[in-house]
Amino acid sequence: MLKMKLCSVAAVLVLAAAGVAAVPHDARAWWAGGYGVGVYVPPIVVAPPVVYPPPPVYAAPPVVYAPPPPVYMPGPRRVWVPPHWEGRYWVRGHWA
């Protein structure tokens, strides 16, 4: 029971402090005569936590083991062998 009363009093105090902080006023620094009577207290600033975006991910390029492109290699050049005698036999001209 006492705990509930303390929590409700604390909640009312927090709401009152938030209401005082939210009241519009001149933009003066607290050390130049801002809050308090003789005692200068800095204002309480409530801000959401700063959430930074995650760092970028640099993935390595995929490793591809592709075969080399086919190489066009023309066949060996054919040579014309002129007609000639081989021993006792006549050989006509032909492509070797």
C-alpha atoms as a PDB file:
ATOM      1  CA  MET A   1       0.000   0.000   0.000  1.00  0.00           C
ATOM      2  CA  LEU A   2       2.781   2.385   0.938  1.00  0.00           C
ATOM      3  CA  LYS A   3       4.687   1.389  -2.181  1.00  0.00           C
ATOM      4  CA  MET A   4       1.703   2.330  -4.398  1.00  0.00           C
ATOM      5  CA  LYS A   5       1.425   5.729  -2.729  1.00  0.00           C
ATOM      6  CA  LEU A   6       5.139   6.411  -3.199  1.00  0.00           C
ATOM      7  CA  CYS A   7       4.927   5.381  -6.863  1.00  0.00           C
ATOM      8  CA  SER A   8       1.909   7.622  -7.475  1.00  0.00           C
ATOM      9  CA  VAL A   9       3.619  10.607  -5.740  1.00  0.00           C
ATOM     10  CA  ALA A  10       6.779   9.999  -7.795  1.00  0.00           C
ATOM     11  CA  ALA A  11       4.713   9.822 -10.983  1.00  0.00           C
ATOM     12  CA  VAL A  12       2.994  13.124 -10.177  1.00  0.00           C
ATOM     13  CA  LEU A  13       6.364  14.775  -9.466  1.00  0.00           C
ATOM     14  CA  VAL A  14       7.825  13.503 -12.737  1.00  0.00           C
ATOM     15  CA  LEU A  15       4.804  14.749 -14.695  1.00  0.00           C
ATOM     16  CA  ALA A  16       5.022  18.135 -12.974  1.00  0.00           C
ATOM     17  CA  ALA A  17       8.728  18.416 -13.770  1.00  0.00           C
ATOM     18  CA  ALA A  18       8.067  17.462 -17.399  1.00  0.00           C
ATOM     19  CA  GLY A  19       5.302  20.088 -17.576  1.00  0.00           C
ATOM     20  CA  VAL A  20       7.635  22.791 -16.200  1.00  0.00           C
ATOM     21  CA  ALA A  21      10.330  21.791 -18.682  1.00  0.00           C
ATOM     22  CA  ALA A  22       7.833  21.878 -21.567  1.00  0.00           C
ATOM     23  CA  VAL A  23       6.594  25.431 -20.828  1.00  0.00           C
ATOM     24  CA  PRO A  24       7.762  27.813 -23.567  1.00  0.00           C
ATOM     25  CA  HIS A  25      10.192  30.478 -22.356  1.00  0.00           C
ATOM     26  CA  ASP A  26      13.027  32.666 -23.597  1.00  0.00           C
ATOM     27  CA  ALA A  27      16.023  30.875 -25.001  1.00  0.00           C
ATOM     28  CA  ARG A  28      18.519  31.834 -22.315  1.00  0.00           C
ATOM     29  CA  ALA A  29      21.344  29.762 -20.996  1.00  0.00           C
ATOM     30  CA  TRP A  30      20.861  28.570 -17.428  1.00  0.00           C
ATOM     31  CA  TRP A  31      24.146  30.161 -16.313  1.00  0.00           C
ATOM     32  CA  ALA A  32      23.019  33.573 -17.555  1.00  0.00           C
ATOM     33  CA  GLY A  33      20.149  33.832 -15.097  1.00  0.00           C
ATOM     34  CA  GLY A  34      17.936  30.990 -16.194  1.00  0.00           C
ATOM     35  CA  TYR A  35      16.286  28.976 -13.422  1.00  0.00           C
ATOM     36  CA  GLY A  36      16.281  29.272  -9.651  1.00  0.00           C
ATOM     37  CA  VAL A  37      16.426  32.033  -7.069  1.00  0.00           C
ATOM     38  CA  GLY A  38      20.077  32.616  -6.301  1.00  0.00           C
ATOM     39  CA  VAL A  39      20.932  29.004  -7.176  1.00  0.00           C
ATOM     40  CA  TYR A  40      21.313  28.251 -10.825  1.00  0.00           C
ATOM     41  CA  VAL A  41      20.387  24.710 -11.765  1.00  0.00           C
ATOM     42  CA  PRO A  42      20.805  23.487 -15.327  1.00  0.00           C
ATOM     43  CA  PRO A  43      17.604  22.333 -17.018  1.00  0.00           C
ATOM     44  CA  ILE A  44      16.920  18.641 -17.380  1.00  0.00           C
ATOM     45  CA  VAL A  45      16.981  17.592 -20.997  1.00  0.00           C
ATOM     46  CA  VAL A  46      15.310  14.360 -21.951  1.00  0.00           C
ATOM     47  CA  ALA A  47      16.237  13.078 -25.381  1.00  0.00           C
ATOM     48  CA  PRO A  48      15.764   9.723 -27.022  1.00  0.00           C
ATOM     49  CA  PRO A  49      18.883   7.612 -27.322  1.00  0.00           C
ATOM     50  CA  VAL A  50      20.846   8.063 -30.520  1.00  0.00           C
ATOM     51  CA  VAL A  51      20.437   5.063 -32.777  1.00  0.00           C
ATOM     52  CA  TYR A  52      23.055   4.855 -35.479  1.00  0.00           C
ATOM     53  CA  PRO A  53      22.406   2.829 -38.618  1.00  0.00           C
ATOM     54  CA  PRO A  54      24.362  -0.393 -38.862  1.00  0.00           C
ATOM     55  CA  PRO A  55      27.645  -0.179 -40.744  1.00  0.00           C
ATOM     56  CA  PRO A  56      27.481  -1.193 -44.403  1.00  0.00           C
ATOM     57  CA  VAL A  57      28.386  -4.743 -45.257  1.00  0.00           C
ATOM     58  CA  TYR A  58      30.987  -5.131 -47.964  1.00  0.00           C
ATOM     59  CA  ALA A  59      30.711  -8.671 -49.240  1.00  0.00           C
ATOM     60  CA  ALA A  60      33.514 -10.151 -51.291  1.00  0.00           C
ATOM     61  CA  PRO A  61      32.672 -10.811 -54.918  1.00  0.00           C
ATOM     62  CA  PRO A  62      31.749 -14.423 -55.616  1.00  0.00           C
ATOM     63  CA  VAL A  63      34.572 -16.690 -56.663  1.00  0.00           C
ATOM     64  CA  VAL A  64      33.874 -18.190 -60.074  1.00  0.00           C
ATOM     65  CA  TYR A  65      35.957 -20.990 -61.423  1.00  0.00           C
ATOM     66  CA  ALA A  66      34.781 -20.811 -65.027  1.00  0.00           C
ATOM     67  CA  PRO A  67      36.655 -22.578 -67.783  1.00  0.00           C
ATOM     68  CA  PRO A  68      38.649 -20.312 -70.072  1.00  0.00           C
ATOM     69  CA  PRO A  69      36.921 -19.296 -73.279  1.00  0.00           C
ATOM     70  CA  PRO A  70      37.494 -21.621 -76.217  1.00  0.00           C
ATOM     71  CA  VAL A  71      40.391 -20.687 -78.428  1.00  0.00           C
ATOM     72  CA  TYR A  72      40.025 -20.971 -82.174  1.00  0.00           C
ATOM     73  CA  MET A  73      43.066 -22.696 -83.532  1.00  0.00           C
ATOM     74  CA  PRO A  74      42.982 -23.484 -87.224  1.00  0.00           C
ATOM     75  CA  GLY A  75      44.218 -26.899 -88.165  1.00  0.00           C
ATOM     76  CA  PRO A  76      47.651 -27.439 -89.666  1.00  0.00           C
ATOM     77  CA  ARG A  77      48.022 -26.131 -93.204  1.00  0.00           C
ATOM     78  CA  ARG A  78      47.923 -28.748 -95.857  1.00  0.00           C
ATOM     79  CA  VAL A  79      50.860 -28.927 -98.198  1.00  0.00           C
ATOM     80  CA  TRP A  80      50.684 -29.753-101.911  1.00  0.00           C
ATOM     81  CA  VAL A  81      53.021 -32.505-102.854  1.00  0.00           C
ATOM     82  CA  PRO A  82      53.841 -32.265-106.585  1.00  0.00           C
ATOM     83  CA  PRO A  83      53.810 -35.388-108.752  1.00  0.00           C
ATOM     84  CA  HIS A  84      56.983 -37.439-108.518  1.00  0.00           C
ATOM     85  CA  TRP A  85      58.540 -40.861-108.888  1.00  0.00           C
ATOM     86  CA  GLU A  86      58.901 -43.164-105.897  1.00  0.00           C
ATOM     87  CA  GLY A  87      61.207 -45.851-107.073  1.00  0.00           C
ATOM     88  CA  ARG A  88      59.440 -47.578-109.990  1.00  0.00           C
ATOM     89  CA  TYR A  89      56.001 -46.013-109.230  1.00  0.00           C
ATOM     90  CA  TRP A  90      54.636 -42.700-110.411  1.00  0.00           C
ATOM     91  CA  VAL A  91      52.803 -40.731-107.686  1.00  0.00           C
ATOM     92  CA  ARG A  92      50.351 -38.086-108.801  1.00  0.00           C
ATOM     93  CA  GLY A  93      50.295 -34.724-107.092  1.00  0.00           C
ATOM     94  CA  HIS A  94      48.230 -34.662-103.920  1.00  0.00           C
ATOM     95  CA  TRP A  95      47.578 -32.779-100.676  1.00  0.00           C
ATOM     96  CA  ALA A  96      49.549 -34.050 -97.723  1.00  0.00           C
END
